[in-house]
């Protein structure tokens, strides 16, 4: 008897856990904050020297281009993708069979049309899929690692707390430092191994998503 009571209770707890997770909405990428670059070390204390390269020094021939760990730069989001796919197939087959009975003899009573047979099959299938997405804007990131070949690993995120929820953009990837312009800007199409996340939560976001109960029944439905 106790085992029979535990089964419905376990089902109820499972439904409640599923509902709680579904209502919570999307969350920022787990562990992204931990993967952000470490803070820049504090400038060294005065040691009697007038020149200190850690006090914002930039040589005349290098300018202010981002090149060290912790330097910020701007990623211009110009993502635009469009995909289209279609497939179709068609087949047909037909055949006939007939026997002519003798005109005289014991089988002469058989009509020719009674010994005729024919058959045909046909199939036609079509399928298509189309998807388009666009992401525009700007996001400032920082250099997390500088590599010997002139590239740098960058990471950054932006969170916006709006009156109707929260939105965030997260980006990480590899940038070639020579692609930076005078304002330390580079297009997102020049970011290698880019991982871009754009999501949000709140009443507006929840209104555009499927309800948790509908998701639950769709998950267990065998059809």
N, C-alpha and C. Protein backbone atom coordinates (compact mmCIF):
# COMPACT_ATOMS: atom_id res chain seq x y z
N UNK A 1 0.82 -1.22 0.00
CA UNK A 1 0.00 0.00 0.00
C UNK A 1 0.85 1.26 0.00
N UNK A 2 1.91 1.36 0.82
CA UNK A 2 2.73 2.57 0.78
C UNK A 2 3.37 2.78 -0.58
N UNK A 3 3.76 1.69 -1.28
CA UNK A 3 4.39 1.87 -2.59
C UNK A 3 3.41 2.44 -3.59
N UNK A 4 2.12 2.06 -3.48
CA UNK A 4 1.10 2.60 -4.39
C UNK A 4 0.90 4.08 -4.17
N UNK A 5 1.07 4.54 -2.94
CA UNK A 5 0.91 5.97 -2.64
C UNK A 5 2.12 6.74 -3.13
N UNK A 6 3.30 6.13 -3.10
CA UNK A 6 4.53 6.84 -3.49
C UNK A 6 4.57 7.12 -4.98
N UNK A 7 3.97 6.23 -5.80
CA UNK A 7 4.03 6.44 -7.24
C UNK A 7 3.30 7.69 -7.67
N UNK A 8 2.02 7.93 -7.27
CA UNK A 8 1.38 9.21 -7.64
C UNK A 8 2.11 10.40 -7.06
N UNK A 9 2.63 10.26 -5.84
CA UNK A 9 3.35 11.39 -5.24
C UNK A 9 4.60 11.72 -6.05
N UNK A 10 5.31 10.68 -6.50
CA UNK A 10 6.49 10.93 -7.32
C UNK A 10 6.15 11.58 -8.64
N UNK A 11 5.00 11.18 -9.24
CA UNK A 11 4.57 11.79 -10.49
C UNK A 11 4.24 13.26 -10.29
N UNK A 12 3.56 13.56 -9.17
CA UNK A 12 3.21 14.95 -8.89
C UNK A 12 4.47 15.79 -8.69
N UNK A 13 5.45 15.25 -7.95
CA UNK A 13 6.69 15.98 -7.74
C UNK A 13 7.43 16.20 -9.05
N UNK A 14 7.38 15.20 -9.93
CA UNK A 14 8.04 15.37 -11.22
C UNK A 14 7.39 16.45 -12.06
N UNK A 15 6.04 16.48 -12.04
CA UNK A 15 5.32 17.51 -12.79
C UNK A 15 5.62 18.88 -12.23
N UNK A 16 5.65 19.00 -10.88
CA UNK A 16 5.96 20.30 -10.27
C UNK A 16 7.36 20.76 -10.60
N UNK A 17 8.33 19.83 -10.60
CA UNK A 17 9.70 20.20 -10.95
C UNK A 17 9.80 20.64 -12.39
N UNK A 18 9.08 19.94 -13.28
CA UNK A 18 9.07 20.32 -14.70
C UNK A 18 8.44 21.68 -14.89
N UNK A 19 7.34 21.95 -14.15
CA UNK A 19 6.67 23.24 -14.27
C UNK A 19 7.55 24.36 -13.76
N UNK A 20 8.24 24.12 -12.65
CA UNK A 20 9.13 25.16 -12.12
C UNK A 20 10.24 25.50 -13.09
N UNK A 21 10.82 24.49 -13.73
CA UNK A 21 11.90 24.72 -14.68
C UNK A 21 11.39 25.42 -15.92
N UNK A 22 10.18 25.06 -16.37
CA UNK A 22 9.63 25.66 -17.58
C UNK A 22 9.25 27.11 -17.35
N UNK A 23 8.70 27.42 -16.18
CA UNK A 23 8.26 28.79 -15.90
C UNK A 23 9.44 29.71 -15.64
N UNK A 24 10.56 29.16 -15.26
CA UNK A 24 11.71 30.01 -14.96
C UNK A 24 12.24 30.70 -16.20
N UNK A 25 12.03 30.11 -17.37
CA UNK A 25 12.49 30.72 -18.60
C UNK A 25 13.97 30.50 -18.81
N UNK A 26 14.50 31.02 -19.92
CA UNK A 26 15.92 30.84 -20.20
C UNK A 26 16.79 31.59 -19.22
N UNK A 27 17.99 31.07 -19.03
CA UNK A 27 18.95 31.69 -18.14
C UNK A 27 20.25 31.93 -18.89
N UNK A 28 21.08 32.83 -18.40
CA UNK A 28 22.39 33.02 -19.05
C UNK A 28 23.18 31.73 -19.05
N UNK A 29 24.10 31.63 -19.98
CA UNK A 29 24.90 30.43 -20.13
C UNK A 29 25.61 30.10 -18.83
N UNK A 30 25.43 28.87 -18.37
CA UNK A 30 26.02 28.45 -17.10
C UNK A 30 27.53 28.48 -17.18
N UNK A 31 28.14 29.01 -16.15
CA UNK A 31 29.58 29.05 -16.09
C UNK A 31 30.22 30.14 -16.90
N UNK A 32 29.41 30.99 -17.55
CA UNK A 32 30.00 32.04 -18.39
C UNK A 32 30.72 33.06 -17.54
N UNK A 33 30.15 33.40 -16.37
CA UNK A 33 30.81 34.37 -15.50
C UNK A 33 32.16 33.85 -15.03
N UNK A 34 32.23 32.54 -14.76
CA UNK A 34 33.50 31.97 -14.30
C UNK A 34 34.54 31.97 -15.40
N UNK A 35 34.09 31.97 -16.66
CA UNK A 35 35.03 31.93 -17.77
C UNK A 35 35.48 33.32 -18.20
N UNK A 36 34.95 34.37 -17.59
CA UNK A 36 35.36 35.71 -17.95
C UNK A 36 36.81 35.93 -17.55
N UNK A 37 37.49 36.84 -18.25
CA UNK A 37 38.90 37.05 -17.94
C UNK A 37 39.09 37.56 -16.53
N UNK A 38 40.22 37.21 -15.89
CA UNK A 38 40.46 37.67 -14.53
C UNK A 38 40.71 39.17 -14.51
N UNK A 39 40.49 39.83 -13.39
CA UNK A 39 40.73 41.27 -13.31
C UNK A 39 42.20 41.59 -13.52
N UNK A 40 42.42 42.76 -14.10
CA UNK A 40 43.79 43.18 -14.36
C UNK A 40 44.49 43.47 -13.04
N UNK A 41 45.75 43.06 -12.95
CA UNK A 41 46.50 43.27 -11.72
C UNK A 41 46.66 44.76 -11.43
N UNK A 42 46.65 45.10 -10.17
CA UNK A 42 46.80 46.50 -9.77
C UNK A 42 48.19 47.01 -10.12
N UNK A 43 48.29 48.30 -10.46
CA UNK A 43 49.61 48.86 -10.79
C UNK A 43 50.59 48.69 -9.62
N UNK A 44 51.84 48.56 -9.96
CA UNK A 44 52.84 48.36 -8.92
C UNK A 44 52.99 49.64 -8.09
N UNK A 45 53.41 49.46 -6.92
CA UNK A 45 53.62 50.60 -6.04
C UNK A 45 54.84 51.41 -6.48
N UNK A 46 54.87 52.68 -6.10
CA UNK A 46 55.98 53.55 -6.50
C UNK A 46 57.30 53.01 -5.98
N UNK A 47 58.27 52.93 -6.88
CA UNK A 47 59.58 52.41 -6.49
C UNK A 47 60.69 53.42 -6.78
N UNK A 48 60.29 54.67 -6.99
CA UNK A 48 61.30 55.69 -7.25
C UNK A 48 61.55 55.96 -8.71
N UNK A 49 60.97 55.15 -9.60
CA UNK A 49 61.16 55.35 -11.02
C UNK A 49 60.09 56.27 -11.58
N UNK A 50 60.45 57.17 -12.48
CA UNK A 50 59.47 58.08 -13.08
C UNK A 50 58.62 57.35 -14.11
N UNK A 51 59.24 56.50 -14.91
CA UNK A 51 58.52 55.79 -15.97
C UNK A 51 57.90 54.51 -15.43
N UNK A 52 56.62 54.36 -15.68
CA UNK A 52 55.91 53.16 -15.25
C UNK A 52 55.04 52.67 -16.40
N UNK A 53 55.40 51.59 -17.07
CA UNK A 53 54.63 51.14 -18.25
C UNK A 53 53.23 50.66 -17.91
N UNK A 54 52.94 50.40 -16.65
CA UNK A 54 51.61 49.93 -16.27
C UNK A 54 50.63 51.06 -16.02
N UNK A 55 51.07 52.30 -16.13
CA UNK A 55 50.20 53.44 -15.86
C UNK A 55 49.58 53.97 -17.14
N UNK A 56 49.02 53.08 -17.95
CA UNK A 56 48.34 53.52 -19.17
C UNK A 56 49.28 53.94 -20.28
N UNK A 57 50.48 53.41 -20.32
CA UNK A 57 51.46 53.80 -21.33
C UNK A 57 51.10 53.18 -22.67
N UNK A 58 51.22 53.95 -23.75
CA UNK A 58 51.03 53.46 -25.11
C UNK A 58 52.09 54.10 -25.98
N UNK A 59 52.85 53.29 -26.68
CA UNK A 59 53.91 53.80 -27.54
C UNK A 59 53.33 54.52 -28.74
N UNK A 60 54.12 55.41 -29.35
CA UNK A 60 53.64 56.20 -30.48
C UNK A 60 53.34 55.32 -31.70
N UNK A 61 54.08 54.26 -31.89
CA UNK A 61 53.89 53.45 -33.08
C UNK A 61 52.81 52.38 -32.90
N UNK A 62 52.32 52.19 -31.70
CA UNK A 62 51.25 51.22 -31.48
C UNK A 62 49.90 51.87 -31.25
N UNK A 63 49.87 53.09 -30.78
CA UNK A 63 48.60 53.76 -30.53
C UNK A 63 47.85 53.12 -29.38
N UNK A 64 46.54 53.23 -29.43
CA UNK A 64 45.70 52.73 -28.36
C UNK A 64 44.93 51.47 -28.77
N UNK A 65 45.47 50.73 -29.70
CA UNK A 65 44.79 49.50 -30.13
C UNK A 65 44.88 48.45 -29.03
N UNK A 66 43.77 47.76 -28.80
CA UNK A 66 43.72 46.72 -27.77
C UNK A 66 44.67 45.59 -28.16
N UNK A 67 45.52 45.19 -27.21
CA UNK A 67 46.50 44.15 -27.51
C UNK A 67 46.92 43.36 -26.30
N UNK A 68 46.45 43.73 -25.11
CA UNK A 68 46.87 43.04 -23.90
C UNK A 68 45.65 42.46 -23.19
N UNK A 69 45.91 41.50 -22.31
CA UNK A 69 44.83 40.89 -21.53
C UNK A 69 44.15 41.96 -20.68
N UNK A 70 42.82 41.99 -20.77
CA UNK A 70 42.05 42.98 -20.04
C UNK A 70 41.65 44.19 -20.86
N UNK A 71 42.28 44.39 -22.04
CA UNK A 71 41.92 45.53 -22.89
C UNK A 71 40.53 45.31 -23.49
N UNK A 72 39.69 46.35 -23.49
CA UNK A 72 38.35 46.21 -24.08
C UNK A 72 38.37 46.48 -25.57
N UNK A 73 37.45 45.86 -26.27
CA UNK A 73 37.22 46.14 -27.68
C UNK A 73 35.74 45.93 -27.98
N UNK A 74 35.30 46.40 -29.11
CA UNK A 74 33.87 46.38 -29.45
C UNK A 74 33.62 45.42 -30.60
N UNK A 75 32.66 44.54 -30.42
CA UNK A 75 32.23 43.61 -31.46
C UNK A 75 30.95 44.18 -32.08
N UNK A 76 30.97 44.43 -33.37
CA UNK A 76 29.80 44.92 -34.09
C UNK A 76 29.02 43.71 -34.59
N UNK A 77 27.84 43.50 -34.04
CA UNK A 77 27.04 42.33 -34.40
C UNK A 77 26.33 42.58 -35.73
N UNK A 78 26.72 41.85 -36.73
CA UNK A 78 26.11 41.96 -38.06
C UNK A 78 25.73 40.57 -38.56
N UNK A 79 25.23 39.76 -37.66
CA UNK A 79 24.87 38.39 -38.03
C UNK A 79 23.59 38.36 -38.85
N UNK A 80 23.64 37.67 -39.95
CA UNK A 80 22.46 37.51 -40.80
C UNK A 80 22.58 36.20 -41.55
N UNK A 81 21.68 35.30 -41.29
CA UNK A 81 21.70 33.99 -41.92
C UNK A 81 20.36 33.71 -42.57
N UNK A 82 20.42 32.97 -43.65
CA UNK A 82 19.20 32.58 -44.36
C UNK A 82 19.44 31.21 -44.97
N UNK A 83 18.57 30.28 -44.67
CA UNK A 83 18.70 28.92 -45.19
C UNK A 83 17.39 28.50 -45.85
N UNK A 84 17.52 27.69 -46.86
CA UNK A 84 16.35 27.18 -47.57
C UNK A 84 16.67 25.80 -48.10
N UNK A 85 15.73 24.90 -47.95
CA UNK A 85 15.93 23.53 -48.41
C UNK A 85 14.60 22.98 -48.91
N UNK A 86 14.66 22.28 -50.02
CA UNK A 86 13.46 21.67 -50.57
C UNK A 86 13.81 20.31 -51.16
N UNK A 87 12.86 19.41 -51.11
CA UNK A 87 13.05 18.06 -51.64
C UNK A 87 11.74 17.57 -52.21
N UNK A 88 11.82 16.81 -53.26
CA UNK A 88 10.62 16.25 -53.88
C UNK A 88 10.93 14.95 -54.59
N UNK A 89 9.97 14.07 -54.62
CA UNK A 89 10.13 12.78 -55.30
C UNK A 89 8.79 12.36 -55.89
N UNK A 90 8.87 11.64 -56.97
CA UNK A 90 7.66 11.20 -57.66
C UNK A 90 7.96 9.89 -58.37
N UNK A 91 7.08 8.94 -58.21
CA UNK A 91 7.25 7.64 -58.87
C UNK A 91 5.89 7.10 -59.29
N UNK A 92 5.89 6.32 -60.35
CA UNK A 92 4.66 5.71 -60.87
C UNK A 92 4.99 4.37 -61.50
N UNK A 93 4.06 3.45 -61.40
CA UNK A 93 4.24 2.11 -61.95
C UNK A 93 2.88 1.56 -62.34
N UNK A 94 2.81 0.89 -63.49
CA UNK A 94 1.55 0.31 -63.95
C UNK A 94 1.84 -1.00 -64.68
N UNK A 95 0.87 -1.88 -64.69
CA UNK A 95 1.00 -3.17 -65.37
C UNK A 95 -0.37 -3.75 -65.70
N UNK A 96 -0.39 -4.67 -66.67
CA UNK A 96 -1.65 -5.30 -67.08
C UNK A 96 -1.40 -6.76 -67.45
N UNK A 97 -2.43 -7.52 -67.36
CA UNK A 97 -2.34 -8.95 -67.64
C UNK A 97 -3.67 -9.39 -68.25
N UNK A 98 -3.61 -10.23 -69.27
CA UNK A 98 -4.84 -10.69 -69.93
C UNK A 98 -4.63 -12.03 -70.62
N UNK A 99 -5.66 -12.84 -70.66
CA UNK A 99 -5.65 -14.15 -71.32
C UNK A 99 -6.86 -14.23 -72.24
N UNK A 100 -6.63 -14.70 -73.46
CA UNK A 100 -7.73 -14.85 -74.42
C UNK A 100 -8.20 -16.31 -74.41
N UNK A 101 -9.42 -16.57 -73.97
CA UNK A 101 -9.91 -17.96 -73.94
C UNK A 101 -10.17 -18.47 -75.36
N UNK A 102 -10.21 -19.79 -75.53
CA UNK A 102 -10.50 -20.33 -76.86
C UNK A 102 -11.93 -20.00 -77.30
N UNK A 103 -12.09 -19.85 -78.60
CA UNK A 103 -13.41 -19.50 -79.14
C UNK A 103 -14.33 -20.72 -79.21
N UNK A 104 -13.79 -21.93 -79.15
CA UNK A 104 -14.62 -23.14 -79.21
C UNK A 104 -14.13 -24.11 -78.14
N UNK A 105 -14.94 -25.03 -77.81
CA UNK A 105 -14.57 -26.01 -76.82
C UNK A 105 -15.29 -25.77 -75.50
N UNK A 106 -14.91 -26.55 -74.49
CA UNK A 106 -15.60 -26.43 -73.19
C UNK A 106 -15.35 -25.10 -72.48
N UNK A 107 -14.28 -24.37 -72.86
CA UNK A 107 -13.98 -23.10 -72.22
C UNK A 107 -14.43 -21.89 -73.01
N UNK A 108 -15.19 -22.13 -73.99
CA UNK A 108 -15.62 -21.02 -74.84
C UNK A 108 -16.59 -20.08 -74.12
N UNK A 109 -17.18 -20.54 -73.04
CA UNK A 109 -18.15 -19.68 -72.33
C UNK A 109 -17.45 -18.57 -71.52
N UNK A 110 -16.13 -18.68 -71.34
CA UNK A 110 -15.40 -17.67 -70.56
C UNK A 110 -15.25 -16.41 -71.39
N UNK A 111 -15.60 -15.31 -70.80
CA UNK A 111 -15.46 -14.02 -71.47
C UNK A 111 -14.01 -13.52 -71.36
N UNK A 112 -13.48 -12.92 -72.39
CA UNK A 112 -12.08 -12.43 -72.35
C UNK A 112 -11.84 -11.40 -71.27
N UNK A 113 -12.85 -10.53 -71.02
CA UNK A 113 -12.62 -9.47 -70.03
C UNK A 113 -12.54 -10.01 -68.60
N UNK A 114 -13.05 -11.26 -68.37
CA UNK A 114 -12.97 -11.81 -67.03
C UNK A 114 -11.57 -12.33 -66.69
N UNK A 115 -10.72 -12.49 -67.70
CA UNK A 115 -9.36 -12.97 -67.47
C UNK A 115 -8.33 -11.85 -67.63
N UNK A 116 -8.76 -10.63 -67.55
CA UNK A 116 -7.85 -9.49 -67.68
C UNK A 116 -7.69 -8.81 -66.32
N UNK A 117 -6.49 -8.35 -66.04
CA UNK A 117 -6.20 -7.66 -64.78
C UNK A 117 -5.17 -6.57 -65.03
N UNK A 118 -5.26 -5.55 -64.28
CA UNK A 118 -4.30 -4.45 -64.40
C UNK A 118 -4.13 -3.78 -63.04
N UNK A 119 -3.03 -3.14 -62.87
CA UNK A 119 -2.77 -2.45 -61.61
C UNK A 119 -1.78 -1.31 -61.82
N UNK A 120 -1.84 -0.31 -60.95
CA UNK A 120 -0.91 0.81 -61.03
C UNK A 120 -0.72 1.40 -59.64
N UNK A 121 0.46 1.94 -59.42
CA UNK A 121 0.80 2.60 -58.16
C UNK A 121 1.46 3.94 -58.48
N UNK A 122 1.26 4.90 -57.58
CA UNK A 122 1.84 6.22 -57.78
C UNK A 122 2.19 6.81 -56.42
N UNK A 123 3.28 7.57 -56.39
CA UNK A 123 3.71 8.23 -55.15
C UNK A 123 4.26 9.61 -55.50
N UNK A 124 3.95 10.57 -54.66
CA UNK A 124 4.44 11.93 -54.84
C UNK A 124 4.66 12.56 -53.47
N UNK A 125 5.84 13.07 -53.23
CA UNK A 125 6.15 13.70 -51.95
C UNK A 125 6.94 14.98 -52.15
N UNK A 126 6.61 16.00 -51.34
CA UNK A 126 7.29 17.30 -51.40
C UNK A 126 7.59 17.76 -49.98
N UNK A 127 8.71 18.42 -49.82
CA UNK A 127 9.08 18.98 -48.52
C UNK A 127 9.93 20.22 -48.71
N UNK A 128 9.77 21.16 -47.80
CA UNK A 128 10.55 22.40 -47.88
C UNK A 128 10.73 22.97 -46.48
N UNK A 129 11.82 23.70 -46.29
CA UNK A 129 12.11 24.34 -45.01
C UNK A 129 12.86 25.64 -45.29
N UNK A 130 12.46 26.69 -44.59
CA UNK A 130 13.08 28.01 -44.76
C UNK A 130 13.28 28.64 -43.39
N UNK A 131 14.45 29.23 -43.17
CA UNK A 131 14.73 29.88 -41.89
C UNK A 131 15.62 31.10 -42.13
N UNK A 132 15.33 32.18 -41.42
CA UNK A 132 16.12 33.41 -41.54
C UNK A 132 16.26 34.02 -40.16
N UNK A 133 17.43 34.60 -39.88
CA UNK A 133 17.68 35.24 -38.59
C UNK A 133 18.61 36.42 -38.79
N UNK A 134 18.41 37.45 -37.96
CA UNK A 134 19.21 38.67 -38.04
C UNK A 134 19.52 39.15 -36.63
N UNK A 135 20.76 39.53 -36.39
CA UNK A 135 21.18 40.06 -35.10
C UNK A 135 22.10 41.24 -35.36
N UNK A 136 21.70 42.41 -34.87
CA UNK A 136 22.46 43.64 -35.09
C UNK A 136 22.65 44.35 -33.76
N UNK A 137 23.74 45.07 -33.63
CA UNK A 137 24.03 45.80 -32.40
C UNK A 137 25.53 45.83 -32.14
N UNK A 138 25.90 46.24 -30.95
CA UNK A 138 27.30 46.31 -30.55
C UNK A 138 27.45 45.75 -29.15
N UNK A 139 28.58 45.12 -28.91
CA UNK A 139 28.86 44.52 -27.61
C UNK A 139 30.34 44.70 -27.31
N UNK A 140 30.64 45.27 -26.16
CA UNK A 140 32.03 45.44 -25.74
C UNK A 140 32.48 44.22 -24.95
N UNK A 141 33.64 43.70 -25.31
CA UNK A 141 34.21 42.53 -24.67
C UNK A 141 35.64 42.87 -24.23
N UNK A 142 36.26 41.96 -23.53
CA UNK A 142 37.64 42.14 -23.10
C UNK A 142 38.49 40.97 -23.57
N UNK A 143 39.77 41.23 -23.71
CA UNK A 143 40.70 40.19 -24.14
C UNK A 143 41.02 39.29 -22.95
N UNK A 144 40.78 37.99 -23.12
CA UNK A 144 41.05 37.03 -22.05
C UNK A 144 42.39 36.34 -22.23
N UNK A 145 42.88 36.28 -23.48
CA UNK A 145 44.14 35.58 -23.74
C UNK A 145 44.73 36.08 -25.05
N UNK A 146 46.00 36.38 -25.05
CA UNK A 146 46.72 36.79 -26.25
C UNK A 146 47.61 35.65 -26.70
N UNK A 147 47.52 35.28 -27.97
CA UNK A 147 48.25 34.13 -28.48
C UNK A 147 49.42 34.57 -29.36
N UNK A 148 50.44 33.73 -29.49
CA UNK A 148 51.65 34.13 -30.23
C UNK A 148 51.40 34.43 -31.71
N UNK A 149 50.35 33.89 -32.31
CA UNK A 149 50.12 34.08 -33.74
C UNK A 149 49.36 35.37 -34.05
N UNK A 150 49.19 36.24 -33.08
CA UNK A 150 48.53 37.51 -33.34
C UNK A 150 47.03 37.49 -33.15
N UNK A 151 46.48 36.43 -32.58
CA UNK A 151 45.05 36.36 -32.30
C UNK A 151 44.82 36.46 -30.79
N UNK A 152 43.60 36.72 -30.43
CA UNK A 152 43.25 36.87 -29.01
C UNK A 152 41.89 36.25 -28.75
N UNK A 153 41.76 35.64 -27.61
CA UNK A 153 40.49 35.10 -27.15
C UNK A 153 39.75 36.19 -26.39
N UNK A 154 38.53 36.50 -26.81
CA UNK A 154 37.75 37.56 -26.20
C UNK A 154 36.46 36.98 -25.63
N UNK A 155 36.00 37.57 -24.54
CA UNK A 155 34.74 37.18 -23.90
C UNK A 155 34.09 38.42 -23.33
N UNK A 156 32.78 38.41 -23.30
CA UNK A 156 32.07 39.53 -22.70
C UNK A 156 30.57 39.29 -22.72
N UNK A 157 29.86 40.07 -21.95
CA UNK A 157 28.41 39.96 -21.91
C UNK A 157 27.82 41.31 -21.54
N UNK A 158 26.56 41.47 -21.90
CA UNK A 158 25.82 42.69 -21.58
C UNK A 158 24.45 42.28 -21.06
N UNK A 159 24.07 42.82 -19.92
CA UNK A 159 22.76 42.54 -19.33
C UNK A 159 21.96 43.83 -19.26
N UNK A 160 20.71 43.72 -19.65
CA UNK A 160 19.80 44.86 -19.63
C UNK A 160 18.61 44.51 -18.75
N UNK A 161 18.40 45.27 -17.71
CA UNK A 161 17.25 45.09 -16.85
C UNK A 161 16.17 46.08 -17.29
N UNK A 162 15.16 45.56 -17.97
CA UNK A 162 14.10 46.38 -18.50
C UNK A 162 12.88 46.32 -17.58
N UNK A 163 11.90 47.18 -17.88
CA UNK A 163 10.71 47.23 -17.02
C UNK A 163 9.88 45.96 -17.14
N UNK A 164 10.03 45.23 -18.26
CA UNK A 164 9.24 44.02 -18.46
C UNK A 164 10.11 42.77 -18.54
N UNK A 165 11.25 42.80 -17.87
CA UNK A 165 12.09 41.60 -17.84
C UNK A 165 13.56 41.95 -17.99
N UNK A 166 14.33 40.95 -18.28
CA UNK A 166 15.78 41.06 -18.39
C UNK A 166 16.23 40.44 -19.69
N UNK A 167 17.18 41.08 -20.34
CA UNK A 167 17.77 40.56 -21.57
C UNK A 167 19.29 40.56 -21.43
N UNK A 168 19.93 39.62 -22.11
CA UNK A 168 21.38 39.54 -22.04
C UNK A 168 21.95 39.03 -23.36
N UNK A 169 23.15 39.49 -23.64
CA UNK A 169 23.91 39.06 -24.82
C UNK A 169 25.26 38.58 -24.32
N UNK A 170 25.66 37.39 -24.74
CA UNK A 170 26.95 36.82 -24.37
C UNK A 170 27.71 36.45 -25.64
N UNK A 171 29.00 36.69 -25.63
CA UNK A 171 29.81 36.42 -26.82
C UNK A 171 31.20 35.98 -26.40
N UNK A 172 31.73 35.01 -27.09
CA UNK A 172 33.11 34.58 -26.91
C UNK A 172 33.61 34.08 -28.26
N UNK A 173 34.91 34.26 -28.50
CA UNK A 173 35.49 33.82 -29.76
C UNK A 173 36.91 34.29 -29.89
N UNK A 174 37.48 34.08 -31.07
CA UNK A 174 38.87 34.42 -31.36
C UNK A 174 38.90 35.54 -32.39
N UNK A 175 39.65 36.59 -32.08
CA UNK A 175 39.75 37.76 -32.94
C UNK A 175 41.20 37.95 -33.36
N UNK A 176 41.40 38.30 -34.61
CA UNK A 176 42.74 38.67 -35.07
C UNK A 176 42.97 40.14 -34.76
N UNK A 177 43.99 40.44 -34.00
CA UNK A 177 44.21 41.81 -33.55
C UNK A 177 44.44 42.78 -34.70
N UNK A 178 44.96 42.30 -35.80
CA UNK A 178 45.18 43.18 -36.94
C UNK A 178 43.88 43.60 -37.62
N UNK A 179 42.77 42.92 -37.31
CA UNK A 179 41.48 43.29 -37.89
C UNK A 179 40.82 44.46 -37.15
N UNK A 180 41.33 44.84 -36.00
CA UNK A 180 40.75 45.94 -35.25
C UNK A 180 41.00 47.26 -35.97
N UNK A 181 40.00 48.14 -35.99
CA UNK A 181 40.19 49.45 -36.60
C UNK A 181 40.72 50.42 -35.55
N UNK A 182 40.75 51.70 -35.90
CA UNK A 182 41.30 52.71 -35.01
C UNK A 182 40.49 52.87 -33.74
N UNK A 183 39.21 52.48 -33.78
CA UNK A 183 38.34 52.59 -32.61
C UNK A 183 38.19 51.26 -31.88
N UNK A 184 39.08 50.31 -32.17
CA UNK A 184 39.03 48.98 -31.54
C UNK A 184 37.69 48.29 -31.77
N UNK A 185 37.24 48.34 -33.00
CA UNK A 185 35.98 47.70 -33.40
C UNK A 185 36.27 46.65 -34.46
N UNK A 186 35.50 45.58 -34.41
CA UNK A 186 35.63 44.51 -35.40
C UNK A 186 34.26 43.87 -35.59
N UNK A 187 33.96 43.49 -36.81
CA UNK A 187 32.67 42.88 -37.11
C UNK A 187 32.61 41.45 -36.57
N UNK A 188 31.42 41.04 -36.18
CA UNK A 188 31.26 39.69 -35.63
C UNK A 188 31.50 38.61 -36.68
N UNK A 189 31.42 38.97 -37.95
CA UNK A 189 31.70 37.98 -39.00
C UNK A 189 33.19 37.64 -39.07
N UNK A 190 34.04 38.41 -38.39
CA UNK A 190 35.48 38.13 -38.35
C UNK A 190 35.90 37.46 -37.05
N UNK A 191 34.94 37.05 -36.25
CA UNK A 191 35.22 36.35 -35.00
C UNK A 191 35.16 34.85 -35.26
N UNK A 192 36.27 34.18 -35.04
CA UNK A 192 36.33 32.73 -35.26
C UNK A 192 35.83 32.00 -34.02
N UNK A 193 35.26 30.82 -34.25
CA UNK A 193 34.72 29.99 -33.17
C UNK A 193 33.78 30.82 -32.27
N UNK A 194 32.99 31.66 -32.91
CA UNK A 194 32.11 32.56 -32.16
C UNK A 194 30.97 31.79 -31.51
N UNK A 195 30.68 32.16 -30.27
CA UNK A 195 29.52 31.63 -29.56
C UNK A 195 28.73 32.83 -29.05
N UNK A 196 27.59 33.06 -29.69
CA UNK A 196 26.77 34.23 -29.39
C UNK A 196 25.45 33.74 -28.81
N UNK A 197 25.09 34.29 -27.67
CA UNK A 197 23.84 33.94 -27.01
C UNK A 197 23.04 35.21 -26.77
N UNK A 198 21.80 35.21 -27.24
CA UNK A 198 20.90 36.33 -26.99
C UNK A 198 19.57 35.76 -26.50
N UNK A 199 19.19 36.13 -25.31
CA UNK A 199 17.96 35.60 -24.71
C UNK A 199 17.43 36.60 -23.70
N UNK A 200 16.29 36.27 -23.13
CA UNK A 200 15.68 37.15 -22.14
C UNK A 200 14.58 36.43 -21.40
N UNK A 201 14.12 37.04 -20.34
CA UNK A 201 13.00 36.49 -19.59
C UNK A 201 12.11 37.63 -19.13
N UNK A 202 10.96 37.27 -18.60
CA UNK A 202 9.99 38.27 -18.19
C UNK A 202 8.62 37.98 -18.78
N UNK A 203 7.63 38.83 -18.51
CA UNK A 203 6.27 38.58 -18.99
C UNK A 203 6.17 38.48 -20.50
N UNK A 204 6.86 39.36 -21.22
CA UNK A 204 6.77 39.34 -22.69
C UNK A 204 7.38 38.06 -23.24
N UNK A 205 8.52 37.64 -22.68
CA UNK A 205 9.15 36.41 -23.14
C UNK A 205 8.30 35.19 -22.82
N UNK A 206 7.69 35.18 -21.63
CA UNK A 206 6.85 34.03 -21.26
C UNK A 206 5.61 33.95 -22.14
N UNK A 207 5.07 35.09 -22.56
CA UNK A 207 3.86 35.08 -23.38
C UNK A 207 4.10 34.45 -24.75
N UNK A 208 5.35 34.46 -25.22
CA UNK A 208 5.65 33.90 -26.53
C UNK A 208 6.10 32.46 -26.48
N UNK A 209 6.09 31.85 -25.28
CA UNK A 209 6.52 30.46 -25.15
C UNK A 209 5.34 29.54 -24.85
N UNK A 210 5.52 28.29 -25.16
CA UNK A 210 4.50 27.28 -24.89
C UNK A 210 4.39 27.02 -23.39
N UNK A 211 3.17 26.82 -22.91
CA UNK A 211 2.94 26.58 -21.49
C UNK A 211 3.59 25.28 -21.01
N UNK A 212 3.89 25.24 -19.69
CA UNK A 212 4.61 24.08 -19.15
C UNK A 212 3.76 22.81 -19.20
N UNK A 213 2.44 22.93 -19.02
CA UNK A 213 1.60 21.73 -19.06
C UNK A 213 1.52 21.17 -20.48
N UNK A 214 1.44 22.07 -21.46
CA UNK A 214 1.44 21.62 -22.84
C UNK A 214 2.77 20.95 -23.19
N UNK A 215 3.89 21.50 -22.71
CA UNK A 215 5.19 20.87 -22.94
C UNK A 215 5.26 19.49 -22.32
N UNK A 216 4.69 19.36 -21.11
CA UNK A 216 4.75 18.07 -20.42
C UNK A 216 4.00 17.00 -21.20
N UNK A 217 2.79 17.32 -21.66
CA UNK A 217 2.00 16.32 -22.39
C UNK A 217 2.60 16.04 -23.76
N UNK A 218 3.22 17.04 -24.39
CA UNK A 218 3.88 16.79 -25.66
C UNK A 218 5.09 15.90 -25.49
N UNK A 219 5.74 16.00 -24.30
CA UNK A 219 6.93 15.19 -24.05
C UNK A 219 6.56 13.71 -23.87
N UNK A 220 5.43 13.42 -23.23
CA UNK A 220 5.06 12.03 -22.96
C UNK A 220 4.11 11.47 -24.02
N UNK A 221 3.66 12.32 -24.95
CA UNK A 221 2.72 11.83 -25.95
C UNK A 221 3.44 10.90 -26.93
N UNK A 222 2.86 9.73 -27.23
CA UNK A 222 3.50 8.82 -28.18
C UNK A 222 3.22 9.17 -29.63
N UNK A 223 2.39 10.18 -29.90
CA UNK A 223 2.01 10.51 -31.27
C UNK A 223 2.83 11.68 -31.78
